[in-house]
Every structure is written in C-alpha cells, then in structure tokens.
Amino acid sequence: MTRPTVGRVVLFTPAKDDTNPVFALYKPPFAALVSYVLSDASVNLMVIDPEGKPVSRTCVRLIRDGDEKPADGRYCEIAKTETMPKGVAA
C-alpha cells in the first residue's frame, strides 16, 4: 500500500455538485498535490484547475486499486508514473 505524503501528485475527481464552475466544463481527473495528510485514507489537496489556478479541497478520500469509488464522485487517487522504454530520454 502506498501511503500518502505531502507533495505527492494525485489525480482528483470532484463531486458531481462541486461548487467550482470550471470543473463542470472539463472532464476529470485533475492534477493535484497533497498539502496535508489527515490519515492513510484522507488528504487535503491543492487542485490545479483546468485553467491552471489552484483550488483547495479538504478531507478528500484517497482511493487505491480495488477500492470502490464514492457515489458522489469526490475522491483522489495516486498518479501512476509511466515507465519509459530503455534508451529513451525523458
């Protein structure tokens, strides 16, 4: 199990009724950074909205592979890094 840490990049999916109107215009997920770890399953985030502006979201559920996604759609998951083939510069 990967534990959340401050500064970790996660992918945020807002609630269906999120108050930020910009989230309604674009398809999730959105990039976010963990700003505070509340527990292994709950974090505070600095979400980067599609226009590049920071938006805070608190007490966001962190789901992992195999976890059921919340019905209201408000959660984050740890971003997976892509593996580059050998010999390819990043």
PDB file of N, CA and C in Angstrom:
ATOM      1  N   MET A   1       0.836  -1.174   0.000  1.00  0.00           N
ATOM      2  CA  MET A   1       0.000   0.000   0.000  1.00  0.00           C
ATOM      3  C   MET A   1       0.887   1.245   0.000  1.00  0.00           C
ATOM      4  N   THR A   2       0.627   2.141  -0.926  1.00  0.00           N
ATOM      5  CA  THR A   2       1.358   3.391  -0.990  1.00  0.00           C
ATOM      6  C   THR A   2       0.698   4.390  -0.054  1.00  0.00           C
ATOM      7  N   ARG A   3       1.478   4.899   0.872  1.00  0.00           N
ATOM      8  CA  ARG A   3       0.942   5.865   1.832  1.00  0.00           C
ATOM      9  C   ARG A   3       1.017   7.264   1.256  1.00  0.00           C
ATOM     10  N   PRO A   4       0.029   8.076   1.558  1.00  0.00           N
ATOM     11  CA  PRO A   4       0.067   9.453   1.061  1.00  0.00           C
ATOM     12  C   PRO A   4       1.134  10.258   1.796  1.00  0.00           C
ATOM     13  N   THR A   5       1.791  11.140   1.070  1.00  0.00           N
ATOM     14  CA  THR A   5       2.790  12.018   1.653  1.00  0.00           C
ATOM     15  C   THR A   5       2.580  13.427   1.106  1.00  0.00           C
ATOM     16  N   VAL A   6       2.961  14.407   1.893  1.00  0.00           N
ATOM     17  CA  VAL A   6       2.859  15.796   1.462  1.00  0.00           C
ATOM     18  C   VAL A   6       3.702  15.979   0.202  1.00  0.00           C
ATOM     19  N   GLY A   7       3.118  16.623  -0.797  1.00  0.00           N
ATOM     20  CA  GLY A   7       3.819  16.871  -2.051  1.00  0.00           C
ATOM     21  C   GLY A   7       3.571  15.824  -3.128  1.00  0.00           C
ATOM     22  N   ARG A   8       2.942  14.713  -2.764  1.00  0.00           N
ATOM     23  CA  ARG A   8       2.675  13.657  -3.747  1.00  0.00           C
ATOM     24  C   ARG A   8       1.640  14.135  -4.759  1.00  0.00           C
ATOM     25  N   VAL A   9       1.875  13.792  -6.016  1.00  0.00           N
ATOM     26  CA  VAL A   9       0.924  14.115  -7.072  1.00  0.00           C
ATOM     27  C   VAL A   9      -0.193  13.078  -7.060  1.00  0.00           C
ATOM     28  N   VAL A  10      -1.426  13.567  -7.073  1.00  0.00           N
ATOM     29  CA  VAL A  10      -2.596  12.697  -7.143  1.00  0.00           C
ATOM     30  C   VAL A  10      -3.522  13.210  -8.231  1.00  0.00           C
ATOM     31  N   LEU A  11      -4.473  12.391  -8.606  1.00  0.00           N
ATOM     32  CA  LEU A  11      -5.487  12.773  -9.585  1.00  0.00           C
ATOM     33  C   LEU A  11      -6.807  12.941  -8.855  1.00  0.00           C
ATOM     34  N   PHE A  12      -7.408  14.102  -8.986  1.00  0.00           N
ATOM     35  CA  PHE A  12      -8.614  14.465  -8.254  1.00  0.00           C
ATOM     36  C   PHE A  12      -9.838  14.413  -9.161  1.00  0.00           C
ATOM     37  N   THR A  13     -10.885  13.781  -8.664  1.00  0.00           N
ATOM     38  CA  THR A  13     -12.187  13.792  -9.320  1.00  0.00           C
ATOM     39  C   THR A  13     -13.148  14.525  -8.395  1.00  0.00           C
ATOM     40  N   PRO A  14     -13.698  15.655  -8.848  1.00  0.00           N
ATOM     41  CA  PRO A  14     -14.590  16.429  -7.983  1.00  0.00           C
ATOM     42  C   PRO A  14     -15.954  15.765  -7.828  1.00  0.00           C
ATOM     43  N   ALA A  15     -16.662  16.203  -6.816  1.00  0.00           N
ATOM     44  CA  ALA A  15     -18.044  15.753  -6.624  1.00  0.00           C
ATOM     45  C   ALA A  15     -18.884  16.245  -7.796  1.00  0.00           C
ATOM     46  N   LYS A  16     -19.939  15.537  -8.062  1.00  0.00           N
ATOM     47  CA  LYS A  16     -20.824  15.925  -9.163  1.00  0.00           C
ATOM     48  C   LYS A  16     -21.423  17.314  -8.937  1.00  0.00           C
ATOM     49  N   ASP A  17     -21.563  17.706  -7.680  1.00  0.00           N
ATOM     50  CA  ASP A  17     -22.130  19.020  -7.363  1.00  0.00           C
ATOM     51  C   ASP A  17     -21.080  20.002  -6.834  1.00  0.00           C
ATOM     52  N   ASP A  18     -19.813  19.836  -7.253  1.00  0.00           N
ATOM     53  CA  ASP A  18     -18.731  20.714  -6.799  1.00  0.00           C
ATOM     54  C   ASP A  18     -19.076  22.166  -7.126  1.00  0.00           C
ATOM     55  N   THR A  19     -18.711  23.068  -6.230  1.00  0.00           N
ATOM     56  CA  THR A  19     -19.068  24.481  -6.383  1.00  0.00           C
ATOM     57  C   THR A  19     -18.191  25.241  -7.380  1.00  0.00           C
ATOM     58  N   ASN A  20     -17.074  24.670  -7.809  1.00  0.00           N
ATOM     59  CA  ASN A  20     -16.210  25.348  -8.774  1.00  0.00           C
ATOM     60  C   ASN A  20     -16.775  25.129 -10.174  1.00  0.00           C
ATOM     61  N   PRO A  21     -17.298  26.186 -10.825  1.00  0.00           N
ATOM     62  CA  PRO A  21     -17.926  26.009 -12.139  1.00  0.00           C
ATOM     63  C   PRO A  21     -16.957  25.555 -13.223  1.00  0.00           C
ATOM     64  N   VAL A  22     -15.667  25.813 -13.060  1.00  0.00           N
ATOM     65  CA  VAL A  22     -14.689  25.392 -14.064  1.00  0.00           C
ATOM     66  C   VAL A  22     -14.632  23.866 -14.161  1.00  0.00           C
ATOM     67  N   PHE A  23     -14.801  23.172 -13.026  1.00  0.00           N
ATOM     68  CA  PHE A  23     -14.757  21.710 -13.055  1.00  0.00           C
ATOM     69  C   PHE A  23     -15.879  21.128 -13.919  1.00  0.00           C
ATOM     70  N   ALA A  24     -16.985  21.846 -14.042  1.00  0.00           N
ATOM     71  CA  ALA A  24     -18.113  21.361 -14.844  1.00  0.00           C
ATOM     72  C   ALA A  24     -17.823  21.453 -16.342  1.00  0.00           C
ATOM     73  N   LEU A  25     -16.870  22.278 -16.721  1.00  0.00           N
ATOM     74  CA  LEU A  25     -16.567  22.485 -18.137  1.00  0.00           C
ATOM     75  C   LEU A  25     -15.577  21.476 -18.707  1.00  0.00           C
ATOM     76  N   TYR A  26     -14.837  20.791 -17.840  1.00  0.00           N
ATOM     77  CA  TYR A  26     -13.782  19.885 -18.284  1.00  0.00           C
ATOM     78  C   TYR A  26     -13.968  18.503 -17.674  1.00  0.00           C
ATOM     79  N   LYS A  27     -13.453  17.518 -18.375  1.00  0.00           N
ATOM     80  CA  LYS A  27     -13.560  16.128 -17.915  1.00  0.00           C
ATOM     81  C   LYS A  27     -12.450  15.819 -16.903  1.00  0.00           C
ATOM     82  N   PRO A  28     -12.808  15.235 -15.753  1.00  0.00           N
ATOM     83  CA  PRO A  28     -11.777  14.853 -14.773  1.00  0.00           C
ATOM     84  C   PRO A  28     -11.018  13.618 -15.260  1.00  0.00           C
ATOM     85  N   PRO A  29      -9.911  13.314 -14.630  1.00  0.00           N
ATOM     86  CA  PRO A  29      -9.375  13.838 -13.368  1.00  0.00           C
ATOM     87  C   PRO A  29      -8.528  15.084 -13.590  1.00  0.00           C
ATOM     88  N   PHE A  30      -8.238  15.765 -12.462  1.00  0.00           N
ATOM     89  CA  PHE A  30      -7.425  16.961 -12.462  1.00  0.00           C
ATOM     90  C   PHE A  30      -6.191  16.734 -11.587  1.00  0.00           C
ATOM     91  N   ALA A  31      -5.072  17.327 -11.985  1.00  0.00           N
ATOM     92  CA  ALA A  31      -3.835  17.196 -11.214  1.00  0.00           C
ATOM     93  C   ALA A  31      -3.989  17.890  -9.870  1.00  0.00           C
ATOM     94  N   ALA A  32      -3.390  17.302  -8.848  1.00  0.00           N
ATOM     95  CA  ALA A  32      -3.435  17.889  -7.511  1.00  0.00           C
ATOM     96  C   ALA A  32      -2.197  17.473  -6.731  1.00  0.00           C
ATOM     97  N   LEU A  33      -1.868  18.263  -5.725  1.00  0.00           N
ATOM     98  CA  LEU A  33      -0.777  17.934  -4.810  1.00  0.00           C
ATOM     99  C   LEU A  33      -1.357  17.758  -3.416  1.00  0.00           C
ATOM    100  N   VAL A  34      -0.853  16.766  -2.709  1.00  0.00           N
ATOM    101  CA  VAL A  34      -1.270  16.569  -1.322  1.00  0.00           C
ATOM    102  C   VAL A  34      -0.630  17.682  -0.496  1.00  0.00           C
ATOM    103  N   SER A  35      -1.469  18.462   0.179  1.00  0.00           N
ATOM    104  CA  SER A  35      -0.955  19.549   1.017  1.00  0.00           C
ATOM    105  C   SER A  35      -0.891  19.156   2.490  1.00  0.00           C
ATOM    106  N   TYR A  36      -1.701  18.153   2.872  1.00  0.00           N
ATOM    107  CA  TYR A  36      -1.691  17.683   4.257  1.00  0.00           C
ATOM    108  C   TYR A  36      -2.300  16.287   4.299  1.00  0.00           C
ATOM    109  N   VAL A  37      -1.696  15.414   5.088  1.00  0.00           N
ATOM    110  CA  VAL A  37      -2.201  14.045   5.241  1.00  0.00           C
ATOM    111  C   VAL A  37      -2.994  13.970   6.536  1.00  0.00           C
ATOM    112  N   LEU A  38      -4.275  13.678   6.414  1.00  0.00           N
ATOM    113  CA  LEU A  38      -5.137  13.524   7.580  1.00  0.00           C
ATOM    114  C   LEU A  38      -5.078  12.091   8.108  1.00  0.00           C
ATOM    115  N   SER A  39      -5.012  11.131   7.191  1.00  0.00           N
ATOM    116  CA  SER A  39      -4.889   9.709   7.531  1.00  0.00           C
ATOM    117  C   SER A  39      -4.452   8.976   6.269  1.00  0.00           C
ATOM    118  N   ASP A  40      -4.305   7.663   6.344  1.00  0.00           N
ATOM    119  CA  ASP A  40      -3.941   6.888   5.153  1.00  0.00           C
ATOM    120  C   ASP A  40      -5.032   6.942   4.087  1.00  0.00           C
ATOM    121  N   ALA A  41      -6.236   7.357   4.466  1.00  0.00           N
ATOM    122  CA  ALA A  41      -7.360   7.360   3.533  1.00  0.00           C
ATOM    123  C   ALA A  41      -7.957   8.732   3.275  1.00  0.00           C
ATOM    124  N   SER A  42      -7.370   9.791   3.849  1.00  0.00           N
ATOM    125  CA  SER A  42      -7.956  11.125   3.705  1.00  0.00           C
ATOM    126  C   SER A  42      -6.857  12.183   3.662  1.00  0.00           C
ATOM    127  N   VAL A  43      -6.957  13.083   2.675  1.00  0.00           N
ATOM    128  CA  VAL A  43      -5.930  14.108   2.488  1.00  0.00           C
ATOM    129  C   VAL A  43      -6.564  15.451   2.155  1.00  0.00           C
ATOM    130  N   ASN A  44      -5.796  16.510   2.370  1.00  0.00           N
ATOM    131  CA  ASN A  44      -6.148  17.838   1.882  1.00  0.00           C
ATOM    132  C   ASN A  44      -5.344  18.065   0.603  1.00  0.00           C
ATOM    133  N   LEU A  45      -5.956  18.767  -0.359  1.00  0.00           N
ATOM    134  CA  LEU A  45      -5.326  18.928  -1.666  1.00  0.00           C
ATOM    135  C   LEU A  45      -5.239  20.372  -2.124  1.00  0.00           C
ATOM    136  N   MET A  46      -4.241  20.640  -2.952  1.00  0.00           N
ATOM    137  CA  MET A  46      -4.208  21.824  -3.782  1.00  0.00           C
ATOM    138  C   MET A  46      -4.441  21.301  -5.198  1.00  0.00           C
ATOM    139  N   VAL A  47      -5.644  21.486  -5.691  1.00  0.00           N
ATOM    140  CA  VAL A  47      -6.014  21.016  -7.020  1.00  0.00           C
ATOM    141  C   VAL A  47      -5.656  22.096  -8.022  1.00  0.00           C
ATOM    142  N   ILE A  48      -5.145  21.699  -9.172  1.00  0.00           N
ATOM    143  CA  ILE A  48      -4.863  22.642 -10.247  1.00  0.00           C
ATOM    144  C   ILE A  48      -6.027  22.547 -11.217  1.00  0.00           C
ATOM    145  N   ASP A  49      -6.819  23.609 -11.276  1.00  0.00           N
ATOM    146  CA  ASP A  49      -7.995  23.542 -12.146  1.00  0.00           C
ATOM    147  C   ASP A  49      -7.544  23.598 -13.609  1.00  0.00           C
ATOM    148  N   PRO A  50      -8.433  23.310 -14.553  1.00  0.00           N
ATOM    149  CA  PRO A  50      -8.048  23.252 -15.956  1.00  0.00           C
ATOM    150  C   PRO A  50      -7.496  24.563 -16.519  1.00  0.00           C
ATOM    151  N   GLU A  51      -7.717  25.658 -15.818  1.00  0.00           N
ATOM    152  CA  GLU A  51      -7.171  26.943 -16.248  1.00  0.00           C
ATOM    153  C   GLU A  51      -5.850  27.262 -15.548  1.00  0.00           C
ATOM    154  N   GLY A  52      -5.338  26.311 -14.756  1.00  0.00           N
ATOM    155  CA  GLY A  52      -4.061  26.474 -14.076  1.00  0.00           C
ATOM    156  C   GLY A  52      -4.130  27.186 -12.746  1.00  0.00           C
ATOM    157  N   LYS A  53      -5.315  27.395 -12.225  1.00  0.00           N
ATOM    158  CA  LYS A  53      -5.472  28.082 -10.943  1.00  0.00           C
ATOM    159  C   LYS A  53      -5.574  27.069  -9.807  1.00  0.00           C
ATOM    160  N   PRO A  54      -4.950  27.368  -8.647  1.00  0.00           N
ATOM    161  CA  PRO A  54      -5.050  26.461  -7.508  1.00  0.00           C
ATOM    162  C   PRO A  54      -6.411  26.565  -6.826  1.00  0.00           C
ATOM    163  N   VAL A  55      -6.921  25.409  -6.438  1.00  0.00           N
ATOM    164  CA  VAL A  55      -8.197  25.310  -5.726  1.00  0.00           C
ATOM    165  C   VAL A  55      -7.980  24.344  -4.575  1.00  0.00           C
ATOM    166  N   SER A  56      -8.359  24.728  -3.365  1.00  0.00           N
ATOM    167  CA  SER A  56      -8.167  23.807  -2.239  1.00  0.00           C
ATOM    168  C   SER A  56      -9.400  22.927  -2.052  1.00  0.00           C
ATOM    169  N   ARG A  57      -9.144  21.701  -1.666  1.00  0.00           N
ATOM    170  CA  ARG A  57     -10.204  20.755  -1.301  1.00  0.00           C
ATOM    171  C   ARG A  57      -9.701  20.002  -0.073  1.00  0.00           C
ATOM    172  N   THR A  58     -10.538  19.926   0.950  1.00  0.00           N
ATOM    173  CA  THR A  58     -10.139  19.292   2.200  1.00  0.00           C
ATOM    174  C   THR A  58     -10.894  17.989   2.413  1.00  0.00           C
ATOM    175  N   CYS A  59     -10.284  17.134   3.211  1.00  0.00           N
ATOM    176  CA  CYS A  59     -10.874  15.847   3.595  1.00  0.00           C
ATOM    177  C   CYS A  59     -11.311  15.037   2.375  1.00  0.00           C
ATOM    178  N   VAL A  60     -10.404  14.905   1.420  1.00  0.00           N
ATOM    179  CA  VAL A  60     -10.698  14.157   0.204  1.00  0.00           C
ATOM    180  C   VAL A  60     -10.296  12.702   0.414  1.00  0.00           C
ATOM    181  N   ARG A  61     -11.186  11.810   0.075  1.00  0.00           N
ATOM    182  CA  ARG A  61     -10.912  10.374   0.227  1.00  0.00           C
ATOM    183  C   ARG A  61      -9.877   9.939  -0.799  1.00  0.00           C
ATOM    184  N   LEU A  62      -8.851   9.238  -0.329  1.00  0.00           N
ATOM    185  CA  LEU A  62      -7.821   8.669  -1.193  1.00  0.00           C
ATOM    186  C   LEU A  62      -8.175   7.216  -1.457  1.00  0.00           C
ATOM    187  N   ILE A  63      -8.442   6.893  -2.719  1.00  0.00           N
ATOM    188  CA  ILE A  63      -8.760   5.503  -3.043  1.00  0.00           C
ATOM    189  C   ILE A  63      -7.552   4.847  -3.699  1.00  0.00           C
ATOM    190  N   ARG A  64      -7.524   3.539  -3.588  1.00  0.00           N
ATOM    191  CA  ARG A  64      -6.438   2.743  -4.172  1.00  0.00           C
ATOM    192  C   ARG A  64      -7.041   1.702  -5.097  1.00  0.00           C
ATOM    193  N   ASP A  65      -6.175   1.029  -5.864  1.00  0.00           N
ATOM    194  CA  ASP A  65      -6.648  -0.032  -6.758  1.00  0.00           C
ATOM    195  C   ASP A  65      -7.529  -0.995  -5.982  1.00  0.00           C
ATOM    196  N   GLY A  66      -8.686  -1.276  -6.518  1.00  0.00           N
ATOM    197  CA  GLY A  66      -9.599  -2.211  -5.877  1.00  0.00           C
ATOM    198  C   GLY A  66     -10.624  -1.563  -4.977  1.00  0.00           C
ATOM    199  N   ASP A  67     -10.371  -0.307  -4.556  1.00  0.00           N
ATOM    200  CA  ASP A  67     -11.351   0.404  -3.724  1.00  0.00           C
ATOM    201  C   ASP A  67     -12.539   0.829  -4.581  1.00  0.00           C
ATOM    202  N   GLU A  68     -13.695   0.837  -3.975  1.00  0.00           N
ATOM    203  CA  GLU A  68     -14.886   1.309  -4.660  1.00  0.00           C
ATOM    204  C   GLU A  68     -14.870   2.835  -4.686  1.00  0.00           C
ATOM    205  N   LYS A  69     -15.193   3.401  -5.848  1.00  0.00           N
ATOM    206  CA  LYS A  69     -15.220   4.854  -5.967  1.00  0.00           C
ATOM    207  C   LYS A  69     -16.489   5.393  -5.313  1.00  0.00           C
ATOM    208  N   PRO A  70     -16.384   6.500  -4.583  1.00  0.00           N
ATOM    209  CA  PRO A  70     -17.557   7.066  -3.911  1.00  0.00           C
ATOM    210  C   PRO A  70     -18.660   7.421  -4.906  1.00  0.00           C
ATOM    211  N   ALA A  71     -19.881   7.249  -4.492  1.00  0.00           N
ATOM    212  CA  ALA A  71     -21.032   7.514  -5.361  1.00  0.00           C
ATOM    213  C   ALA A  71     -21.118   8.982  -5.765  1.00  0.00           C
ATOM    214  N   ASP A  72     -20.686   9.896  -4.871  1.00  0.00           N
ATOM    215  CA  ASP A  72     -20.777  11.321  -5.202  1.00  0.00           C
ATOM    216  C   ASP A  72     -19.651  11.777  -6.124  1.00  0.00           C
ATOM    217  N   GLY A  73     -18.671  10.891  -6.370  1.00  0.00           N
ATOM    218  CA  GLY A  73     -17.592  11.203  -7.299  1.00  0.00           C
ATOM    219  C   GLY A  73     -16.434  11.980  -6.717  1.00  0.00           C
ATOM    220  N   ARG A  74     -16.434  12.316  -5.440  1.00  0.00           N
ATOM    221  CA  ARG A  74     -15.365  13.140  -4.851  1.00  0.00           C
ATOM    222  C   ARG A  74     -14.297  12.245  -4.228  1.00  0.00           C
ATOM    223  N   TYR A  75     -13.143  12.161  -4.912  1.00  0.00           N
ATOM    224  CA  TYR A  75     -12.046  11.333  -4.414  1.00  0.00           C
ATOM    225  C   TYR A  75     -10.772  11.705  -5.153  1.00  0.00           C
ATOM    226  N   CYS A  76      -9.662  11.136  -4.698  1.00  0.00           N
ATOM    227  CA  CYS A  76      -8.404  11.255  -5.431  1.00  0.00           C
ATOM    228  C   CYS A  76      -7.729   9.895  -5.427  1.00  0.00           C
ATOM    229  N   GLU A  77      -6.828   9.739  -6.366  1.00  0.00           N
ATOM    230  CA  GLU A  77      -6.040   8.511  -6.429  1.00  0.00           C
ATOM    231  C   GLU A  77      -4.614   8.878  -6.786  1.00  0.00           C
ATOM    232  N   ILE A  78      -3.666   8.092  -6.302  1.00  0.00           N
ATOM    233  CA  ILE A  78      -2.260   8.370  -6.544  1.00  0.00           C
ATOM    234  C   ILE A  78      -1.977   8.212  -8.028  1.00  0.00           C
ATOM    235  N   ALA A  79      -1.316   9.232  -8.592  1.00  0.00           N
ATOM    236  CA  ALA A  79      -0.986   9.205 -10.014  1.00  0.00           C
ATOM    237  C   ALA A  79       0.067   8.144 -10.264  1.00  0.00           C
ATOM    238  N   LYS A  80      -0.156   7.381 -11.292  1.00  0.00           N
ATOM    239  CA  LYS A  80       0.806   6.347 -11.656  1.00  0.00           C
ATOM    240  C   LYS A  80       1.823   6.949 -12.620  1.00  0.00           C
ATOM    241  N   THR A  81       3.081   6.598 -12.440  1.00  0.00           N
ATOM    242  CA  THR A  81       4.107   7.099 -13.348  1.00  0.00           C
ATOM    243  C   THR A  81       4.256   6.136 -14.513  1.00  0.00           C
ATOM    244  N   GLU A  82       4.476   6.701 -15.669  1.00  0.00           N
ATOM    245  CA  GLU A  82       4.686   5.899 -16.868  1.00  0.00           C
ATOM    246  C   GLU A  82       6.128   5.419 -16.876  1.00  0.00           C
ATOM    247  N   THR A  83       6.342   4.216 -17.349  1.00  0.00           N
ATOM    248  CA  THR A  83       7.694   3.689 -17.464  1.00  0.00           C
ATOM    249  C   THR A  83       8.192   3.920 -18.873  1.00  0.00           C
ATOM    250  N   MET A  84       9.328   4.587 -18.994  1.00  0.00           N
ATOM    251  CA  MET A  84       9.921   4.845 -20.304  1.00  0.00           C
ATOM    252  C   MET A  84      10.725   3.638 -20.749  1.00  0.00           C
ATOM    253  N   PRO A  85      10.664   3.288 -22.035  1.00  0.00           N
ATOM    254  CA  PRO A  85      11.488   2.189 -22.526  1.00  0.00           C
ATOM    255  C   PRO A  85      12.967   2.511 -22.348  1.00  0.00           C
ATOM    256  N   LYS A  86      13.802   1.487 -22.218  1.00  0.00           N
ATOM    257  CA  LYS A  86      15.240   1.684 -22.051  1.00  0.00           C
ATOM    258  C   LYS A  86      15.790   2.453 -23.249  1.00  0.00           C
ATOM    259  N   GLY A  87      16.689   3.385 -22.970  1.00  0.00           N
ATOM    260  CA  GLY A  87      17.331   4.143 -24.034  1.00  0.00           C
ATOM    261  C   GLY A  87      16.563   5.374 -24.477  1.00  0.00           C
ATOM    262  N   VAL A  88      15.385   5.603 -23.920  1.00  0.00           N
ATOM    263  CA  VAL A  88      14.588   6.768 -24.283  1.00  0.00           C
ATOM    264  C   VAL A  88      14.768   7.820 -23.190  1.00  0.00           C
ATOM    265  N   ALA A  89      15.157   9.010 -23.595  1.00  0.00           N
ATOM    266  CA  ALA A  89      15.337  10.092 -22.615  1.00  0.00           C
ATOM    267  C   ALA A  89      13.986  10.697 -22.268  1.00  0.00           C
ATOM    268  N   ALA A  90      13.834  11.040 -21.005  1.00  0.00           N
ATOM    269  CA  ALA A  90      12.570  11.644 -20.556  1.00  0.00           C
ATOM    270  C   ALA A  90      12.496  13.101 -20.912  1.00  0.00           C
TER     271      ALA A  90
END
